[in-house]
């Protein structure tokens, strides 16, 4: 794994197994081939504290399909779910290729499974309120949308920007305090360290909110308590 940047901890701390690692798979990101996902998983298994969580971002992809491709809400959900199923199957195939003792260390979750807590909903409410009522925060989120989608072939009308802003807002709480996941009947836990191929303005916002250097009033209301780590890394 080629590590380019590491925020929130040193690379040495990560490699010491201090954090549980999660990998968010963006369904619209062509980097997430089966081969690259496998490299990510192998690296994560070597460096995680206990196990590895793979999060398939189907709900987020549905928002993108609705905003940019003009799908109605139901069709966007169905198409995103189908893409998510395919990507989950790829991950399962990778797991089956692992040594037997490693297979149980890789967990797979769909996006809804890491957002189904009152803490997530409370933080999302804070962020939505900030987008609605804090002009500077709203402008920051809009700039993130333009940074990600400004070079696309799609026209970013105010309506489209608002829909894509919801994508950003829904994603933020998971990154701000870690991805929370629990197996059926088991106590859940947070995965604090995440690996992604490329960082941008959204990561600057995450780090700034987490340490209180950006939008301190909003940051205080979020009540974040976990140390988080964001790594920019690429499969060799």
C-alpha atoms as a PDB file:
ATOM      1  CA  UNK A   1       0.000   0.000   0.000  1.00  0.00           C
ATOM      2  CA  UNK A   2       1.322   3.434  -0.929  1.00  0.00           C
ATOM      3  CA  UNK A   3       0.346   5.845   1.837  1.00  0.00           C
ATOM      4  CA  UNK A   4       0.319   9.486   0.723  1.00  0.00           C
ATOM      5  CA  UNK A   5      -1.248  11.271   3.688  1.00  0.00           C
ATOM      6  CA  UNK A   6      -2.364  10.300   7.177  1.00  0.00           C
ATOM      7  CA  UNK A   7      -4.487  12.637   9.311  1.00  0.00           C
ATOM      8  CA  UNK A   8      -5.405  12.167  12.956  1.00  0.00           C
ATOM      9  CA  UNK A   9      -2.517   9.848  13.845  1.00  0.00           C
ATOM     10  CA  UNK A  10       0.881   8.856  12.564  1.00  0.00           C
ATOM     11  CA  UNK A  11       1.345   6.082  10.063  1.00  0.00           C
ATOM     12  CA  UNK A  12       3.347   4.255  12.727  1.00  0.00           C
ATOM     13  CA  UNK A  13       0.400   4.369  15.142  1.00  0.00           C
ATOM     14  CA  UNK A  14      -1.879   2.897  12.486  1.00  0.00           C
ATOM     15  CA  UNK A  15       0.606   0.129  11.700  1.00  0.00           C
ATOM     16  CA  UNK A  16       0.846  -0.702  15.409  1.00  0.00           C
ATOM     17  CA  UNK A  17      -2.777  -1.884  15.363  1.00  0.00           C
ATOM     18  CA  UNK A  18      -4.158   0.933  17.479  1.00  0.00           C
ATOM     19  CA  UNK A  19      -7.347   1.425  15.433  1.00  0.00           C
ATOM     20  CA  UNK A  20     -10.085  -0.645  13.860  1.00  0.00           C
ATOM     21  CA  UNK A  21     -10.050   0.050  10.125  1.00  0.00           C
ATOM     22  CA  UNK A  22     -13.007   0.561   7.823  1.00  0.00           C
ATOM     23  CA  UNK A  23     -13.112   1.005   4.060  1.00  0.00           C
ATOM     24  CA  UNK A  24     -15.928   2.932   2.410  1.00  0.00           C
ATOM     25  CA  UNK A  25     -16.626   1.799  -1.152  1.00  0.00           C
ATOM     26  CA  UNK A  26     -18.070   4.505  -3.391  1.00  0.00           C
ATOM     27  CA  UNK A  27     -20.092   2.783  -6.081  1.00  0.00           C
ATOM     28  CA  UNK A  28     -19.429   5.556  -8.583  1.00  0.00           C
ATOM     29  CA  UNK A  29     -15.658   5.504  -8.072  1.00  0.00           C
ATOM     30  CA  UNK A  30     -13.970   3.398 -10.756  1.00  0.00           C
ATOM     31  CA  UNK A  31     -10.906   2.964  -8.557  1.00  0.00           C
ATOM     32  CA  UNK A  32     -12.753   0.349  -6.535  1.00  0.00           C
ATOM     33  CA  UNK A  33     -12.047  -2.596  -8.794  1.00  0.00           C
ATOM     34  CA  UNK A  34     -12.049  -6.050  -7.295  1.00  0.00           C
ATOM     35  CA  UNK A  35      -8.242  -6.101  -7.463  1.00  0.00           C
ATOM     36  CA  UNK A  36      -7.845  -2.778  -5.635  1.00  0.00           C
ATOM     37  CA  UNK A  37     -10.431  -3.678  -3.009  1.00  0.00           C
ATOM     38  CA  UNK A  38      -8.509  -6.880  -2.337  1.00  0.00           C
ATOM     39  CA  UNK A  39      -5.284  -4.918  -1.798  1.00  0.00           C
ATOM     40  CA  UNK A  40      -7.100  -2.575   0.572  1.00  0.00           C
ATOM     41  CA  UNK A  41      -8.488  -5.496   2.562  1.00  0.00           C
ATOM     42  CA  UNK A  42      -5.120  -7.258   2.791  1.00  0.00           C
ATOM     43  CA  UNK A  43      -3.463  -4.078   4.034  1.00  0.00           C
ATOM     44  CA  UNK A  44      -6.267  -3.416   6.514  1.00  0.00           C
ATOM     45  CA  UNK A  45      -6.041  -6.956   7.918  1.00  0.00           C
ATOM     46  CA  UNK A  46      -2.332  -6.460   8.571  1.00  0.00           C
ATOM     47  CA  UNK A  47      -2.857  -3.188  10.427  1.00  0.00           C
ATOM     48  CA  UNK A  48      -6.265  -3.222  12.108  1.00  0.00           C
ATOM     49  CA  UNK A  49      -6.822  -3.611  15.837  1.00  0.00           C
ATOM     50  CA  UNK A  50      -9.449  -6.373  15.750  1.00  0.00           C
ATOM     51  CA  UNK A  51     -11.189  -6.681  12.404  1.00  0.00           C
ATOM     52  CA  UNK A  52     -12.028  -4.802   9.211  1.00  0.00           C
ATOM     53  CA  UNK A  53     -15.320  -3.276   8.113  1.00  0.00           C
ATOM     54  CA  UNK A  54     -16.259  -2.755   4.458  1.00  0.00           C
ATOM     55  CA  UNK A  55     -19.059  -0.216   3.961  1.00  0.00           C
ATOM     56  CA  UNK A  56     -20.883  -0.279   0.608  1.00  0.00           C
ATOM     57  CA  UNK A  57     -22.184   3.226  -0.090  1.00  0.00           C
ATOM     58  CA  UNK A  58     -25.419   2.309  -1.850  1.00  0.00           C
ATOM     59  CA  UNK A  59     -27.605   4.932  -0.187  1.00  0.00           C
ATOM     60  CA  UNK A  60     -25.154   7.642  -1.196  1.00  0.00           C
ATOM     61  CA  UNK A  61     -25.039   6.392  -4.780  1.00  0.00           C
ATOM     62  CA  UNK A  62     -28.841   6.584  -4.934  1.00  0.00           C
ATOM     63  CA  UNK A  63     -28.662  10.298  -4.098  1.00  0.00           C
ATOM     64  CA  UNK A  64     -26.151  10.830  -6.891  1.00  0.00           C
ATOM     65  CA  UNK A  65     -28.348   8.980  -9.409  1.00  0.00           C
ATOM     66  CA  UNK A  66     -31.357  11.039  -8.414  1.00  0.00           C
ATOM     67  CA  UNK A  67     -29.500  14.362  -8.514  1.00  0.00           C
ATOM     68  CA  UNK A  68     -27.349  13.935 -11.627  1.00  0.00           C
ATOM     69  CA  UNK A  69     -29.042  11.268 -13.713  1.00  0.00           C
ATOM     70  CA  UNK A  70     -32.604  12.445 -12.966  1.00  0.00           C
ATOM     71  CA  UNK A  71     -33.800   9.068 -11.733  1.00  0.00           C
ATOM     72  CA  UNK A  72     -36.902   9.175  -9.582  1.00  0.00           C
ATOM     73  CA  UNK A  73     -36.309   8.250  -5.958  1.00  0.00           C
ATOM     74  CA  UNK A  74     -37.556   4.662  -6.269  1.00  0.00           C
ATOM     75  CA  UNK A  75     -35.569   3.872  -9.416  1.00  0.00           C
ATOM     76  CA  UNK A  76     -32.440   5.468  -7.933  1.00  0.00           C
ATOM     77  CA  UNK A  77     -32.808   3.289  -4.857  1.00  0.00           C
ATOM     78  CA  UNK A  78     -33.331   0.131  -6.896  1.00  0.00           C
ATOM     79  CA  UNK A  79     -30.374   0.753  -9.214  1.00  0.00           C
ATOM     80  CA  UNK A  80     -28.081   1.670  -6.307  1.00  0.00           C
ATOM     81  CA  UNK A  81     -29.145  -1.457  -4.426  1.00  0.00           C
ATOM     82  CA  UNK A  82     -28.362  -3.584  -7.471  1.00  0.00           C
ATOM     83  CA  UNK A  83     -24.908  -2.031  -7.828  1.00  0.00           C
ATOM     84  CA  UNK A  84     -24.414  -2.517  -4.101  1.00  0.00           C
ATOM     85  CA  UNK A  85     -25.350  -6.197  -4.354  1.00  0.00           C
ATOM     86  CA  UNK A  86     -22.791  -6.682  -7.111  1.00  0.00           C
ATOM     87  CA  UNK A  87     -20.041  -4.963  -5.139  1.00  0.00           C
ATOM     88  CA  UNK A  88     -20.900  -6.916  -1.988  1.00  0.00           C
ATOM     89  CA  UNK A  89     -20.635 -10.141  -3.983  1.00  0.00           C
ATOM     90  CA  UNK A  90     -17.155  -9.114  -5.147  1.00  0.00           C
ATOM     91  CA  UNK A  91     -16.112  -8.514  -1.551  1.00  0.00           C
ATOM     92  CA  UNK A  92     -17.501 -11.897  -0.513  1.00  0.00           C
ATOM     93  CA  UNK A  93     -15.472 -13.531  -3.288  1.00  0.00           C
ATOM     94  CA  UNK A  94     -12.337 -11.796  -1.980  1.00  0.00           C
ATOM     95  CA  UNK A  95     -13.093 -13.018   1.543  1.00  0.00           C
ATOM     96  CA  UNK A  96     -13.464 -16.594   0.295  1.00  0.00           C
ATOM     97  CA  UNK A  97      -9.938 -16.380  -1.139  1.00  0.00           C
ATOM     98  CA  UNK A  98      -8.454 -15.412   2.237  1.00  0.00           C
ATOM     99  CA  UNK A  99      -6.898 -17.923   4.626  1.00  0.00           C
ATOM    100  CA  UNK A 100      -9.629 -19.539   6.709  1.00  0.00           C
ATOM    101  CA  UNK A 101      -8.547 -17.839   9.925  1.00  0.00           C
ATOM    102  CA  UNK A 102      -8.835 -14.407   8.277  1.00  0.00           C
ATOM    103  CA  UNK A 103     -12.268 -14.734   6.686  1.00  0.00           C
ATOM    104  CA  UNK A 104     -14.236 -13.953   9.824  1.00  0.00           C
ATOM    105  CA  UNK A 105     -12.218 -10.777  10.362  1.00  0.00           C
ATOM    106  CA  UNK A 106     -13.797  -8.951   7.415  1.00  0.00           C
ATOM    107  CA  UNK A 107     -17.314  -7.595   7.980  1.00  0.00           C
ATOM    108  CA  UNK A 108     -19.528  -6.144   5.240  1.00  0.00           C
ATOM    109  CA  UNK A 109     -22.168  -3.481   5.862  1.00  0.00           C
ATOM    110  CA  UNK A 110     -24.487  -1.504   3.638  1.00  0.00           C
ATOM    111  CA  UNK A 111     -24.561   2.205   4.370  1.00  0.00           C
ATOM    112  CA  UNK A 112     -27.850   2.073   6.292  1.00  0.00           C
ATOM    113  CA  UNK A 113     -26.268  -0.351   8.760  1.00  0.00           C
ATOM    114  CA  UNK A 114     -23.710   2.208   9.952  1.00  0.00           C
ATOM    115  CA  UNK A 115     -26.235   5.037  10.279  1.00  0.00           C
ATOM    116  CA  UNK A 116     -28.978   3.331  12.279  1.00  0.00           C
ATOM    117  CA  UNK A 117     -28.261   4.956  15.641  1.00  0.00           C
ATOM    118  CA  UNK A 118     -29.697   7.917  17.536  1.00  0.00           C
ATOM    119  CA  UNK A 119     -26.215   9.453  17.680  1.00  0.00           C
ATOM    120  CA  UNK A 120     -25.921   9.441  13.905  1.00  0.00           C
ATOM    121  CA  UNK A 121     -29.365  10.991  13.509  1.00  0.00           C
ATOM    122  CA  UNK A 122     -28.599  13.672  16.095  1.00  0.00           C
ATOM    123  CA  UNK A 123     -25.351  14.626  14.356  1.00  0.00           C
ATOM    124  CA  UNK A 124     -27.003  14.639  10.952  1.00  0.00           C
ATOM    125  CA  UNK A 125     -29.636  16.980  12.386  1.00  0.00           C
ATOM    126  CA  UNK A 126     -26.915  19.364  13.579  1.00  0.00           C
ATOM    127  CA  UNK A 127     -25.288  19.372  10.141  1.00  0.00           C
ATOM    128  CA  UNK A 128     -28.579  19.872   8.296  1.00  0.00           C
ATOM    129  CA  UNK A 129     -29.394  22.764  10.602  1.00  0.00           C
ATOM    130  CA  UNK A 130     -25.974  24.253   9.903  1.00  0.00           C
ATOM    131  CA  UNK A 131     -26.512  23.957   6.154  1.00  0.00           C
ATOM    132  CA  UNK A 132     -29.877  25.675   6.472  1.00  0.00           C
ATOM    133  CA  UNK A 133     -28.989  28.457   8.892  1.00  0.00           C
ATOM    134  CA  UNK A 134     -25.213  29.028   8.827  1.00  0.00           C
ATOM    135  CA  UNK A 135     -24.268  30.834   5.626  1.00  0.00           C
ATOM    136  CA  UNK A 136     -20.535  30.098   5.885  1.00  0.00           C
ATOM    137  CA  UNK A 137     -21.110  26.404   6.549  1.00  0.00           C
ATOM    138  CA  UNK A 138     -23.561  26.215   3.666  1.00  0.00           C
ATOM    139  CA  UNK A 139     -21.006  27.827   1.359  1.00  0.00           C
ATOM    140  CA  UNK A 140     -18.371  25.349   2.539  1.00  0.00           C
ATOM    141  CA  UNK A 141     -20.615  22.374   1.711  1.00  0.00           C
ATOM    142  CA  UNK A 142     -21.507  23.875  -1.678  1.00  0.00           C
ATOM    143  CA  UNK A 143     -17.799  24.285  -2.452  1.00  0.00           C
ATOM    144  CA  UNK A 144     -17.285  20.600  -1.617  1.00  0.00           C
ATOM    145  CA  UNK A 145     -20.050  19.677  -4.078  1.00  0.00           C
ATOM    146  CA  UNK A 146     -18.498  21.857  -6.777  1.00  0.00           C
ATOM    147  CA  UNK A 147     -15.046  20.428  -6.055  1.00  0.00           C
ATOM    148  CA  UNK A 148     -16.344  16.883  -6.575  1.00  0.00           C
ATOM    149  CA  UNK A 149     -18.806  17.428  -9.422  1.00  0.00           C
ATOM    150  CA  UNK A 150     -17.824  20.747 -11.007  1.00  0.00           C
ATOM    151  CA  UNK A 151     -15.969  19.094 -13.879  1.00  0.00           C
ATOM    152  CA  UNK A 152     -18.749  16.649 -14.701  1.00  0.00           C
ATOM    153  CA  UNK A 153     -20.931  16.903 -17.788  1.00  0.00           C
ATOM    154  CA  UNK A 154     -23.928  17.691 -15.605  1.00  0.00           C
ATOM    155  CA  UNK A 155     -25.269  21.207 -14.988  1.00  0.00           C
ATOM    156  CA  UNK A 156     -25.120  22.082 -11.299  1.00  0.00           C
ATOM    157  CA  UNK A 157     -28.312  24.024 -10.749  1.00  0.00           C
ATOM    158  CA  UNK A 158     -29.243  25.168  -7.249  1.00  0.00           C
ATOM    159  CA  UNK A 159     -31.635  22.216  -6.979  1.00  0.00           C
ATOM    160  CA  UNK A 160     -28.951  19.726  -7.993  1.00  0.00           C
ATOM    161  CA  UNK A 161     -26.443  21.309  -5.597  1.00  0.00           C
ATOM    162  CA  UNK A 162     -28.911  21.003  -2.707  1.00  0.00           C
ATOM    163  CA  UNK A 163     -29.443  17.305  -3.466  1.00  0.00           C
ATOM    164  CA  UNK A 164     -25.711  16.647  -3.664  1.00  0.00           C
ATOM    165  CA  UNK A 165     -25.213  18.655  -0.480  1.00  0.00           C
ATOM    166  CA  UNK A 166     -27.464  16.103   1.219  1.00  0.00           C
ATOM    167  CA  UNK A 167     -25.019  13.435  -0.019  1.00  0.00           C
ATOM    168  CA  UNK A 168     -22.222  15.281   1.803  1.00  0.00           C
ATOM    169  CA  UNK A 169     -24.256  15.850   4.960  1.00  0.00           C
ATOM    170  CA  UNK A 170     -25.372  12.203   5.186  1.00  0.00           C
ATOM    171  CA  UNK A 171     -21.787  11.023   4.767  1.00  0.00           C
ATOM    172  CA  UNK A 172     -20.162  13.372   7.276  1.00  0.00           C
ATOM    173  CA  UNK A 173     -21.302  11.871  10.619  1.00  0.00           C
ATOM    174  CA  UNK A 174     -19.797   8.486   9.757  1.00  0.00           C
ATOM    175  CA  UNK A 175     -16.403  10.035   9.052  1.00  0.00           C
ATOM    176  CA  UNK A 176     -16.558  12.485  11.943  1.00  0.00           C
ATOM    177  CA  UNK A 177     -16.870   9.904  14.704  1.00  0.00           C
ATOM    178  CA  UNK A 178     -16.093   6.604  12.984  1.00  0.00           C
ATOM    179  CA  UNK A 179     -18.304   3.956  11.414  1.00  0.00           C
ATOM    180  CA  UNK A 180     -20.425   2.191  14.040  1.00  0.00           C
ATOM    181  CA  UNK A 181     -21.397  -1.385  13.268  1.00  0.00           C
ATOM    182  CA  UNK A 182     -22.651  -4.414  15.128  1.00  0.00           C
ATOM    183  CA  UNK A 183     -23.274  -7.991  14.121  1.00  0.00           C
ATOM    184  CA  UNK A 184     -26.711  -9.381  14.957  1.00  0.00           C
ATOM    185  CA  UNK A 185     -26.988  -9.953  18.679  1.00  0.00           C
ATOM    186  CA  UNK A 186     -23.514  -8.590  19.394  1.00  0.00           C
ATOM    187  CA  UNK A 187     -22.346  -5.349  20.978  1.00  0.00           C
ATOM    188  CA  UNK A 188     -21.399  -2.785  18.379  1.00  0.00           C
ATOM    189  CA  UNK A 189     -18.165  -0.864  18.079  1.00  0.00           C
ATOM    190  CA  UNK A 190     -16.639   2.042  16.224  1.00  0.00           C
ATOM    191  CA  UNK A 191     -14.164   1.693  13.386  1.00  0.00           C
ATOM    192  CA  UNK A 192     -12.085   4.841  13.695  1.00  0.00           C
ATOM    193  CA  UNK A 193      -9.547   4.633  10.860  1.00  0.00           C
ATOM    194  CA  UNK A 194     -10.506   4.818   7.194  1.00  0.00           C
ATOM    195  CA  UNK A 195      -8.574   4.394   3.962  1.00  0.00           C
ATOM    196  CA  UNK A 196      -9.520   6.084   0.683  1.00  0.00           C
ATOM    197  CA  UNK A 197      -7.893   6.754  -2.734  1.00  0.00           C
ATOM    198  CA  UNK A 198      -7.751  10.538  -2.754  1.00  0.00           C
ATOM    199  CA  UNK A 199      -8.666  13.261  -0.279  1.00  0.00           C
ATOM    200  CA  UNK A 200     -10.366  16.588  -0.937  1.00  0.00           C
ATOM    201  CA  UNK A 201     -12.215  19.528   0.592  1.00  0.00           C
ATOM    202  CA  UNK A 202     -14.609  17.236   2.435  1.00  0.00           C
ATOM    203  CA  UNK A 203     -11.701  15.745   4.360  1.00  0.00           C
ATOM    204  CA  UNK A 204     -10.520  19.231   5.317  1.00  0.00           C
ATOM    205  CA  UNK A 205     -14.004  19.906   6.694  1.00  0.00           C
ATOM    206  CA  UNK A 206     -14.056  16.597   8.596  1.00  0.00           C
ATOM    207  CA  UNK A 207     -10.684  17.288  10.201  1.00  0.00           C
ATOM    208  CA  UNK A 208     -11.587  20.923  10.961  1.00  0.00           C
ATOM    209  CA  UNK A 209     -14.899  19.999  12.592  1.00  0.00           C
ATOM    210  CA  UNK A 210     -13.273  17.209  14.550  1.00  0.00           C
ATOM    211  CA  UNK A 211     -10.563  19.398  16.071  1.00  0.00           C
ATOM    212  CA  UNK A 212     -12.823  22.452  16.361  1.00  0.00           C
ATOM    213  CA  UNK A 213     -10.764  24.685  14.083  1.00  0.00           C
ATOM    214  CA  UNK A 214     -13.663  25.035  11.627  1.00  0.00           C
ATOM    215  CA  UNK A 215     -17.190  26.066  12.617  1.00  0.00           C
ATOM    216  CA  UNK A 216     -16.573  25.612  16.368  1.00  0.00           C
ATOM    217  CA  UNK A 217     -20.237  26.234  17.265  1.00  0.00           C
ATOM    218  CA  UNK A 218     -21.332  23.366  15.039  1.00  0.00           C
ATOM    219  CA  UNK A 219     -18.405  21.195  16.140  1.00  0.00           C
ATOM    220  CA  UNK A 220     -19.409  21.601  19.800  1.00  0.00           C
ATOM    221  CA  UNK A 221     -22.985  20.498  19.089  1.00  0.00           C
ATOM    222  CA  UNK A 222     -21.750  17.353  17.300  1.00  0.00           C
ATOM    223  CA  UNK A 223     -20.336  15.958  20.576  1.00  0.00           C
ATOM    224  CA  UNK A 224     -17.602  13.925  18.922  1.00  0.00           C
ATOM    225  CA  UNK A 225     -15.670  11.610  21.223  1.00  0.00           C
ATOM    226  CA  UNK A 226     -13.611   9.212  19.096  1.00  0.00           C
ATOM    227  CA  UNK A 227     -10.138   9.777  17.724  1.00  0.00           C
ATOM    228  CA  UNK A 228     -10.464   9.388  13.965  1.00  0.00           C
ATOM    229  CA  UNK A 229      -7.844   8.745  11.304  1.00  0.00           C
ATOM    230  CA  UNK A 230      -8.158   9.424   7.574  1.00  0.00           C
ATOM    231  CA  UNK A 231      -5.579   7.871   5.248  1.00  0.00           C
ATOM    232  CA  UNK A 232      -5.019   8.574   1.583  1.00  0.00           C
ATOM    233  CA  UNK A 233      -3.613   5.369   0.174  1.00  0.00           C
ATOM    234  CA  UNK A 234      -3.343   3.498  -3.115  1.00  0.00           C
ATOM    235  CA  UNK A 235      -2.957  -0.154  -3.971  1.00  0.00           C
ATOM    236  CA  UNK A 236       0.535  -0.940  -5.257  1.00  0.00           C
END
